Amino acid sequence: MAARAAAGADGDDDIPLLDDLMPWSVRPLRTGRPWVTAPDADSLKARWGRLVGAEGAERERLFRPTRSRTPQTPVAALPGQSTSTARFARESGPCPEPVRIQHGPFDEQWLIPDHRLIDAARPELWRVADGHQLFAVEHGHVPQDTGPALSVTALLPDGHSPAGRPGRIRPLYRRPGGLEPNLAPGLLGLLRARHGDAVAAESVLAWILAAARHSPAGCVVPLPADTARWWAGVELGRELLRLQLRGARGGERPRLPGGRRPYVRAAVPAAPGTLEYDPAEEALLLGTGRISPVPAGAWEFRVGGVRMLELWFERRATADGADGLEAIRPRGWPQEWTSELLELITVLALLDELQPRQQELADGPQLTTGDLRATGVLPVPATARRPASVLDHQEEGPDGQFALL
């Protein structure tokens, strides 16, 4: 009730919360030690090799123990991964193959998928991560935040927030194989009765991606009462989804029209120390490197008040003073990073161009929280907020023991 009162101050008191529309959510991952993620996979393998090659106190120091994880902590297997469950203090084998993850909004990095190294890996997310799953990730809200309220990824997200309080991770499906949409019971039926039988879980997600916005109470999602606006929003949401998935699931990779595509005009140096933007030339300057054209909308694209291009660069720039395993990083600037930067510029530029259409979706008659209560969609039953039981096989527990189902 207090949250609703706070929302009412901004006029959003009768707009449904995302927390009610997609009721099952998971907190962000907590790695506990930053060296288990990196912008490149080779650095992770080198860090692992350095760690397992150390002994005694040196291994303990490099590991960076926390209250949740030490080299002696017994840990069950991470769902879907074949890593060892023996105490890490006895580990001497090769590095598990790093997996691609979504590291906060619009940044793709790599993670060592070993449960012994991650304080809170959120196994419930790994159990439902497959070729059908999509994850909606809320962005932490800060005052006067005009950036997007959430993003969607096909990768496993860590839920990291660049600023403000981290949001929640909401899988589209509660079970593997694209089964059991994570939607309030009765919501699909209500929307189909109003907008037609073609309404499906992914079209609801597309609308949410296009229409969601920040509020003090959390992410809110206006639901249109008129069918034309619903399908216009779904079409826009599908375009946003295509851009954010970056070619995943057989889609097209984002591209700007010819003449507007960013190109490398001067090679990025091995250690670019600064990132600057020249608005007159629409150029991004990485040390002596130069990329253009870069639209101002891409440069100014922010989440939680933080420029996404600056944040992306900071995570890859030379870390002066880094010690331990974090100091192991590429000696130069990999070509892959330049390619990723060009694609990120493209994605942000195209997303910026779609923002005016997103803002128009709030106009017109809406389905209110009162309407959802009257039709029985709200309140959401407690079972819908808990993960579904998806264990159909034994999962390996600590030291090779099988976990009880």
Protein backbone atom coordinates (compact mmCIF):
# COMPACT_ATOMS: atom_id res chain seq x y z
CA MET A 1 0.00 0.00 0.00
CA ALA A 2 2.84 2.40 0.83
CA ALA A 3 4.42 1.65 -2.56
CA ARG A 4 1.15 2.44 -4.30
CA ALA A 5 0.87 5.71 -2.39
CA ALA A 6 4.35 6.64 -3.54
CA ALA A 7 3.45 5.80 -7.11
CA GLY A 8 0.36 7.94 -6.87
CA ALA A 9 2.51 11.01 -6.48
CA ASP A 10 3.48 10.60 -10.13
CA GLY A 11 -0.02 9.67 -11.29
CA ASP A 12 0.88 5.99 -11.74
CA ASP A 13 -1.21 4.65 -8.85
CA ASP A 14 -3.69 2.83 -11.11
CA ILE A 15 -1.18 1.53 -13.66
CA PRO A 16 -0.24 -2.15 -13.23
CA LEU A 17 3.18 -2.93 -11.82
CA LEU A 18 5.49 -5.19 -13.79
CA ASP A 19 5.82 -7.11 -10.53
CA ASP A 20 2.17 -8.12 -10.90
CA LEU A 21 2.19 -8.80 -14.64
CA MET A 22 5.35 -10.98 -14.52
CA PRO A 23 5.15 -12.16 -10.91
CA TRP A 24 8.10 -14.58 -10.70
CA SER A 25 11.35 -12.66 -10.34
CA VAL A 26 14.87 -13.43 -9.23
CA ARG A 27 17.43 -11.18 -7.60
CA PRO A 28 20.60 -10.30 -9.53
CA LEU A 29 23.58 -12.64 -9.43
CA ARG A 30 26.24 -11.85 -6.84
CA THR A 31 29.63 -13.12 -7.94
CA GLY A 32 31.49 -12.07 -4.79
CA ARG A 33 34.76 -11.78 -6.73
CA PRO A 34 35.00 -9.66 -9.88
CA TRP A 35 37.71 -11.78 -11.51
CA VAL A 36 35.17 -14.48 -12.54
CA THR A 37 33.76 -12.17 -15.24
CA ALA A 38 35.64 -10.42 -18.03
CA PRO A 39 35.04 -8.85 -21.45
CA ASP A 40 37.09 -11.65 -23.05
CA ALA A 41 37.14 -15.40 -22.46
CA ASP A 42 40.92 -15.87 -22.76
CA SER A 43 41.57 -13.70 -19.70
CA LEU A 44 39.27 -15.92 -17.64
CA LYS A 45 41.14 -19.05 -18.71
CA ALA A 46 44.45 -17.41 -17.84
CA ARG A 47 43.12 -16.35 -14.43
CA TRP A 48 41.95 -19.89 -13.74
CA GLY A 49 45.36 -21.27 -14.71
CA ARG A 50 47.09 -18.83 -12.38
CA LEU A 51 44.72 -19.75 -9.54
CA VAL A 52 44.93 -23.53 -9.78
CA GLY A 53 48.70 -23.27 -10.18
CA ALA A 54 48.95 -21.54 -6.81
CA GLU A 55 49.04 -23.38 -3.51
CA GLY A 56 48.19 -22.78 0.13
CA ALA A 57 47.95 -19.18 1.25
CA GLU A 58 48.61 -17.84 -2.25
CA ARG A 59 45.63 -19.71 -3.67
CA GLU A 60 43.50 -18.44 -0.80
CA ARG A 61 44.60 -14.85 -1.47
CA LEU A 62 43.97 -15.04 -5.21
CA PHE A 63 40.60 -16.72 -4.68
CA ARG A 64 39.36 -13.76 -2.58
CA PRO A 65 37.27 -15.62 0.02
CA THR A 66 33.95 -14.25 1.22
CA ARG A 67 31.48 -15.44 3.84
CA SER A 68 29.68 -17.40 1.12
CA ARG A 69 32.65 -18.90 -0.72
CA THR A 70 36.14 -20.05 0.21
CA PRO A 71 38.29 -22.72 -1.47
CA GLN A 72 36.90 -25.13 1.16
CA THR A 73 33.18 -24.36 0.68
CA PRO A 74 31.07 -27.40 -0.33
CA VAL A 75 28.83 -26.41 -3.26
CA ALA A 76 26.32 -28.24 -5.47
CA ALA A 77 26.65 -28.30 -9.25
CA LEU A 78 25.40 -25.35 -11.24
CA PRO A 79 22.37 -26.55 -13.27
CA GLY A 80 23.27 -27.32 -16.87
CA GLN A 81 27.02 -27.21 -16.20
CA SER A 82 29.42 -30.14 -15.87
CA THR A 83 31.91 -28.49 -13.53
CA SER A 84 33.35 -30.36 -10.57
CA THR A 85 31.74 -30.26 -7.14
CA ALA A 86 34.95 -31.21 -5.29
CA ARG A 87 36.30 -28.57 -2.90
CA PHE A 88 38.07 -25.93 -4.96
CA ALA A 89 41.14 -26.27 -2.74
CA ARG A 90 41.71 -29.62 -4.50
CA GLU A 91 41.06 -28.30 -8.04
CA SER A 92 43.82 -28.84 -10.61
CA GLY A 93 41.91 -29.33 -13.87
CA PRO A 94 41.32 -27.05 -16.88
CA CYS A 95 39.06 -24.02 -16.80
CA PRO A 96 35.39 -24.68 -17.51
CA GLU A 97 34.41 -23.18 -20.83
CA PRO A 98 33.32 -19.56 -20.15
CA VAL A 99 29.74 -18.67 -21.03
CA ARG A 100 28.43 -15.47 -22.57
CA ILE A 101 26.26 -13.43 -20.21
CA GLN A 102 24.49 -10.08 -20.20
CA HIS A 103 26.49 -7.93 -17.78
CA GLY A 104 24.09 -5.17 -16.85
CA PRO A 105 22.23 -3.34 -19.64
CA PHE A 106 23.66 -3.56 -23.17
CA ASP A 107 27.02 -5.14 -22.27
CA GLU A 108 27.88 -8.73 -23.13
CA GLN A 109 30.74 -10.33 -21.21
CA TRP A 110 32.01 -13.78 -20.15
CA LEU A 111 31.63 -15.73 -16.92
CA ILE A 112 33.35 -18.83 -15.52
CA PRO A 113 30.26 -21.03 -14.88
CA ASP A 114 31.59 -22.70 -11.73
CA HIS A 115 29.28 -22.63 -8.71
CA ARG A 116 32.27 -22.84 -6.36
CA LEU A 117 33.37 -19.38 -7.49
CA ILE A 118 30.05 -17.51 -7.36
CA ASP A 119 28.53 -16.34 -4.09
CA ALA A 120 24.92 -16.29 -5.36
CA ALA A 121 24.57 -17.80 -8.83
CA ARG A 122 20.73 -18.04 -8.71
CA PRO A 123 20.44 -21.70 -9.83
CA GLU A 124 16.72 -21.22 -10.54
CA LEU A 125 17.69 -19.02 -13.49
CA TRP A 126 20.16 -21.55 -14.88
CA ARG A 127 17.49 -24.26 -14.74
CA VAL A 128 15.19 -22.41 -17.12
CA ALA A 129 17.86 -20.86 -19.39
CA ASP A 130 17.55 -22.55 -22.78
CA GLY A 131 16.99 -21.80 -26.46
CA HIS A 132 13.42 -20.67 -25.82
CA GLN A 133 13.95 -18.42 -22.82
CA LEU A 134 14.03 -14.63 -22.76
CA PHE A 135 14.85 -12.57 -19.67
CA ALA A 136 13.39 -9.17 -18.85
CA VAL A 137 15.82 -7.24 -16.64
CA GLU A 138 14.67 -4.21 -14.68
CA HIS A 139 17.05 -1.29 -14.44
CA GLY A 140 17.67 0.35 -11.11
CA HIS A 141 15.66 3.56 -10.74
CA VAL A 142 17.26 6.88 -9.86
CA PRO A 143 15.47 10.27 -9.64
CA GLN A 144 14.91 12.03 -12.98
CA ASP A 145 15.88 8.86 -14.83
CA THR A 146 14.69 9.16 -18.44
CA GLY A 147 16.36 5.97 -19.66
CA PRO A 148 14.61 2.67 -20.40
CA ALA A 149 12.99 0.91 -17.46
CA LEU A 150 14.06 -2.56 -18.59
CA SER A 151 15.82 -4.52 -21.29
CA VAL A 152 15.44 -8.04 -22.67
CA THR A 153 18.14 -10.59 -23.43
CA ALA A 154 18.42 -14.19 -24.58
CA LEU A 155 21.65 -14.53 -22.60
CA LEU A 156 21.72 -15.36 -18.91
CA PRO A 157 21.72 -11.90 -17.27
CA ASP A 158 23.57 -11.02 -14.09
CA GLY A 159 21.16 -8.16 -13.35
CA HIS A 160 23.96 -5.69 -12.59
CA SER A 161 22.72 -2.12 -12.37
CA PRO A 162 25.05 0.74 -13.39
CA ALA A 163 23.44 3.06 -10.83
CA GLY A 164 20.70 2.95 -8.26
CA ARG A 165 19.11 -0.06 -6.66
CA PRO A 166 19.40 -3.19 -8.82
CA GLY A 167 16.18 -4.40 -10.37
CA ARG A 168 14.88 -7.93 -10.73
CA ILE A 169 15.34 -10.57 -13.41
CA ARG A 170 12.07 -11.93 -14.83
CA PRO A 171 12.19 -15.01 -17.10
CA LEU A 172 9.43 -15.08 -19.73
CA TYR A 173 8.82 -18.78 -19.09
CA ARG A 174 8.69 -20.62 -15.78
CA ARG A 175 9.76 -23.96 -17.27
CA PRO A 176 12.32 -25.03 -19.92
CA GLY A 177 11.11 -25.46 -23.47
CA GLY A 178 9.10 -22.23 -23.51
CA LEU A 179 6.46 -23.72 -21.20
CA GLU A 180 4.22 -21.93 -18.70
CA PRO A 181 4.52 -18.17 -19.33
CA ASN A 182 5.59 -16.13 -16.34
CA LEU A 183 2.46 -13.99 -16.53
CA ALA A 184 -0.22 -13.31 -13.95
CA PRO A 185 -2.79 -16.14 -14.15
CA GLY A 186 -5.68 -14.95 -16.28
CA LEU A 187 -3.77 -12.09 -17.95
CA LEU A 188 -3.37 -13.85 -21.30
CA GLY A 189 -7.07 -14.73 -21.33
CA LEU A 190 -8.07 -11.14 -20.57
CA LEU A 191 -5.84 -9.72 -23.31
CA ARG A 192 -7.00 -12.30 -25.85
CA ALA A 193 -10.64 -11.51 -25.10
CA ARG A 194 -9.96 -7.83 -25.76
CA HIS A 195 -7.32 -7.89 -28.51
CA GLY A 196 -7.73 -11.27 -30.23
CA ASP A 197 -6.50 -14.84 -30.01
CA ALA A 198 -3.14 -13.91 -31.56
CA VAL A 199 -2.00 -12.50 -28.21
CA ALA A 200 0.82 -14.75 -26.96
CA ALA A 201 3.40 -14.61 -24.20
CA GLU A 202 6.05 -13.06 -26.48
CA SER A 203 3.63 -10.37 -27.69
CA VAL A 204 2.92 -9.47 -24.05
CA LEU A 205 6.67 -9.22 -23.45
CA ALA A 206 7.01 -7.04 -26.57
CA TRP A 207 4.35 -4.65 -25.25
CA ILE A 208 6.02 -4.54 -21.84
CA LEU A 209 9.40 -3.75 -23.43
CA ALA A 210 7.88 -0.90 -25.43
CA ALA A 211 5.62 0.62 -22.76
CA ALA A 212 7.26 0.03 -19.36
CA ARG A 213 8.45 3.06 -17.44
CA HIS A 214 9.97 3.95 -14.09
CA SER A 215 7.97 4.94 -11.04
CA PRO A 216 8.89 5.31 -7.35
CA ALA A 217 6.93 2.09 -6.68
CA GLY A 218 8.81 0.15 -9.32
CA CYS A 219 8.46 -0.51 -13.03
CA VAL A 220 4.89 0.19 -14.24
CA VAL A 221 3.30 -0.99 -17.49
CA PRO A 222 0.30 0.85 -18.97
CA LEU A 223 -2.06 -1.62 -20.66
CA PRO A 224 -4.13 -0.18 -23.54
CA ALA A 225 -7.87 -0.69 -23.75
CA ASP A 226 -7.95 -0.20 -27.54
CA THR A 227 -6.78 -2.94 -29.86
CA ALA A 228 -5.13 -0.74 -32.50
CA ARG A 229 -2.78 0.79 -29.94
CA TRP A 230 -2.04 -2.64 -28.44
CA TRP A 231 -0.84 -4.10 -31.73
CA ALA A 232 1.07 -0.93 -32.64
CA GLY A 233 2.89 -1.25 -29.33
CA VAL A 234 3.53 -4.96 -29.87
CA GLU A 235 5.02 -4.23 -33.29
CA LEU A 236 7.26 -1.56 -31.77
CA GLY A 237 8.24 -3.91 -28.94
CA ARG A 238 9.20 -6.60 -31.43
CA GLU A 239 11.50 -4.14 -33.15
CA LEU A 240 13.05 -3.21 -29.80
CA LEU A 241 13.42 -6.90 -29.02
CA ARG A 242 15.11 -7.59 -32.36
CA LEU A 243 17.64 -4.84 -31.68
CA GLN A 244 18.39 -5.96 -28.16
CA LEU A 245 18.79 -9.65 -29.07
CA ARG A 246 21.47 -8.71 -31.66
CA GLY A 247 20.81 -11.59 -34.01
CA ALA A 248 20.08 -14.25 -31.38
CA ARG A 249 17.40 -16.83 -32.18
CA GLY A 250 17.95 -16.48 -35.92
CA GLY A 251 17.15 -12.76 -36.08
CA GLU A 252 18.96 -10.09 -38.07
CA ARG A 253 21.87 -8.26 -36.52
CA PRO A 254 21.17 -4.53 -36.13
CA ARG A 255 22.35 -2.27 -38.97
CA LEU A 256 22.07 1.42 -39.62
CA PRO A 257 21.27 2.58 -43.16
CA GLY A 258 24.19 3.11 -45.51
CA GLY A 259 25.94 6.42 -44.96
CA ARG A 260 25.05 6.37 -41.25
CA ARG A 261 26.97 3.27 -40.25
CA PRO A 262 29.88 3.82 -37.86
CA TYR A 263 33.32 2.93 -39.17
CA VAL A 264 36.84 2.96 -37.75
CA ARG A 265 38.50 6.04 -39.27
CA ALA A 266 41.70 5.70 -37.20
CA ALA A 267 42.77 2.46 -35.54
CA VAL A 268 42.13 2.06 -31.83
CA PRO A 269 45.52 1.99 -30.04
CA ALA A 270 46.62 -0.90 -27.86
CA ALA A 271 45.81 1.00 -24.67
CA PRO A 272 43.36 3.85 -25.27
CA GLY A 273 43.43 5.86 -22.07
CA THR A 274 40.51 8.17 -22.74
CA LEU A 275 37.11 8.20 -24.38
CA GLU A 276 35.74 11.47 -25.75
CA TYR A 277 32.95 12.54 -28.06
CA ASP A 278 33.19 15.25 -30.73
CA PRO A 279 29.59 16.37 -31.39
CA ALA A 280 30.52 18.57 -34.34
CA GLU A 281 32.13 15.65 -36.18
CA GLU A 282 29.90 12.96 -34.63
CA ALA A 283 33.08 11.12 -33.75
CA LEU A 284 33.99 8.84 -30.86
CA LEU A 285 37.64 9.22 -29.86
CA LEU A 286 39.38 6.33 -28.09
CA GLY A 287 42.80 7.79 -27.42
CA THR A 288 44.14 8.32 -30.93
CA GLY A 289 41.48 6.01 -32.37
CA ARG A 290 38.47 7.48 -34.14
CA ILE A 291 35.03 6.04 -34.96
CA SER A 292 32.39 7.94 -36.93
CA PRO A 293 29.64 8.72 -37.55
CA VAL A 294 28.34 8.21 -34.03
CA PRO A 295 24.92 9.87 -33.54
CA ALA A 296 24.54 12.08 -30.48
CA GLY A 297 21.62 9.88 -29.41
CA ALA A 298 23.95 6.89 -29.11
CA TRP A 299 26.52 8.87 -27.11
CA GLU A 300 23.87 10.28 -24.75
CA PHE A 301 22.00 6.99 -24.30
CA ARG A 302 21.84 6.47 -20.54
CA VAL A 303 20.52 3.93 -18.07
CA GLY A 304 20.26 5.03 -14.46
CA GLY A 305 21.86 8.31 -15.47
CA VAL A 306 25.00 6.57 -16.76
CA ARG A 307 26.16 6.81 -20.39
CA MET A 308 26.26 3.29 -21.77
CA LEU A 309 29.21 3.93 -24.11
CA GLU A 310 31.31 5.40 -21.31
CA LEU A 311 30.49 2.50 -19.00
CA TRP A 312 31.31 -0.04 -21.71
CA PHE A 313 34.68 1.62 -22.31
CA GLU A 314 35.55 1.91 -18.60
CA ARG A 315 35.10 -1.84 -18.17
CA ARG A 316 37.69 -2.46 -20.90
CA ALA A 317 40.17 0.36 -20.40
CA THR A 318 43.48 -0.46 -18.77
CA ALA A 319 42.89 -0.96 -15.04
CA ASP A 320 45.77 0.91 -13.41
CA GLY A 321 46.60 -0.53 -10.02
CA ALA A 322 44.58 -3.73 -10.47
CA ASP A 323 46.02 -6.60 -8.47
CA GLY A 324 45.47 -10.29 -8.12
CA LEU A 325 43.66 -12.14 -10.88
CA GLU A 326 41.87 -9.01 -12.12
CA ALA A 327 45.24 -7.75 -13.37
CA ILE A 328 45.27 -10.58 -15.93
CA ARG A 329 43.73 -9.02 -19.03
CA PRO A 330 44.52 -8.60 -22.75
CA ARG A 331 47.87 -6.97 -23.44
CA GLY A 332 46.37 -4.88 -26.22
CA TRP A 333 42.96 -3.87 -27.53
CA PRO A 334 41.39 -6.97 -29.16
CA GLN A 335 39.79 -6.51 -32.57
CA GLU A 336 36.69 -8.21 -31.17
CA TRP A 337 36.15 -5.28 -28.79
CA THR A 338 36.11 -2.83 -31.68
CA SER A 339 33.53 -4.96 -33.49
CA GLU A 340 31.41 -5.13 -30.33
CA LEU A 341 31.68 -1.36 -29.91
CA LEU A 342 30.49 -0.73 -33.45
CA GLU A 343 27.49 -2.96 -32.86
CA LEU A 344 26.72 -1.30 -29.51
CA ILE A 345 26.79 2.14 -31.16
CA THR A 346 24.37 0.82 -33.77
CA VAL A 347 22.01 -0.67 -31.19
CA LEU A 348 21.94 2.47 -29.04
CA ALA A 349 21.42 4.75 -32.05
CA LEU A 350 18.47 2.70 -33.28
CA LEU A 351 16.95 2.42 -29.81
CA ASP A 352 17.22 6.18 -29.38
CA GLU A 353 15.33 6.74 -32.63
CA LEU A 354 12.43 4.62 -31.36
CA GLN A 355 11.97 6.50 -28.07
CA PRO A 356 9.40 9.02 -29.41
CA ARG A 357 7.16 6.15 -30.53
CA GLN A 358 7.48 4.57 -27.09
CA GLN A 359 6.36 7.76 -25.38
CA GLU A 360 3.19 7.84 -27.48
CA LEU A 361 2.02 4.49 -26.09
CA ALA A 362 0.93 6.07 -22.79
CA ASP A 363 -1.84 8.06 -24.51
CA GLY A 364 -5.40 6.77 -24.64
CA PRO A 365 -7.74 4.64 -22.50
CA GLN A 366 -6.10 2.01 -20.33
CA LEU A 367 -6.85 -1.13 -18.38
CA THR A 368 -6.33 -0.17 -14.75
CA THR A 369 -5.38 -2.21 -11.73
CA GLY A 370 -9.06 -1.96 -10.78
CA ASP A 371 -9.99 -3.62 -14.08
CA LEU A 372 -7.49 -6.41 -13.40
CA ARG A 373 -8.95 -6.95 -9.94
CA ALA A 374 -12.48 -7.00 -11.28
CA THR A 375 -11.58 -9.77 -13.74
CA GLY A 376 -9.66 -11.81 -11.14
CA VAL A 377 -6.17 -11.26 -12.62
CA LEU A 378 -5.20 -9.44 -9.42
CA PRO A 379 -4.23 -10.16 -6.76
CA VAL A 380 -1.62 -12.60 -8.01
CA PRO A 381 -1.57 -15.92 -6.11
CA ALA A 382 1.56 -16.55 -4.05
CA THR A 383 2.40 -19.67 -6.08
CA ALA A 384 2.89 -17.55 -9.20
CA ARG A 385 5.67 -15.64 -7.44
CA ARG A 386 7.64 -18.79 -6.66
CA PRO A 387 9.73 -20.78 -9.18
CA ALA A 388 8.08 -23.81 -10.73
CA SER A 389 9.40 -27.25 -9.82
CA VAL A 390 11.42 -28.16 -12.91
CA LEU A 391 13.75 -30.83 -11.51
CA ASP A 392 13.29 -33.94 -13.65
CA HIS A 393 16.75 -35.39 -12.96
CA GLN A 394 19.27 -35.59 -10.15
CA GLU A 395 21.62 -32.65 -9.70
CA GLU A 396 25.08 -33.30 -8.33
CA GLY A 397 25.62 -31.97 -4.82
CA PRO A 398 28.89 -31.14 -3.02
CA ASP A 399 31.77 -33.59 -3.46
CA GLY A 400 29.87 -35.63 -6.03
CA GLN A 401 26.91 -36.49 -3.83
CA PHE A 402 23.54 -36.34 -5.57
CA ALA A 403 21.16 -33.66 -4.32
CA LEU A 404 17.80 -34.85 -3.03
CA LEU A 405 14.84 -33.88 -5.22
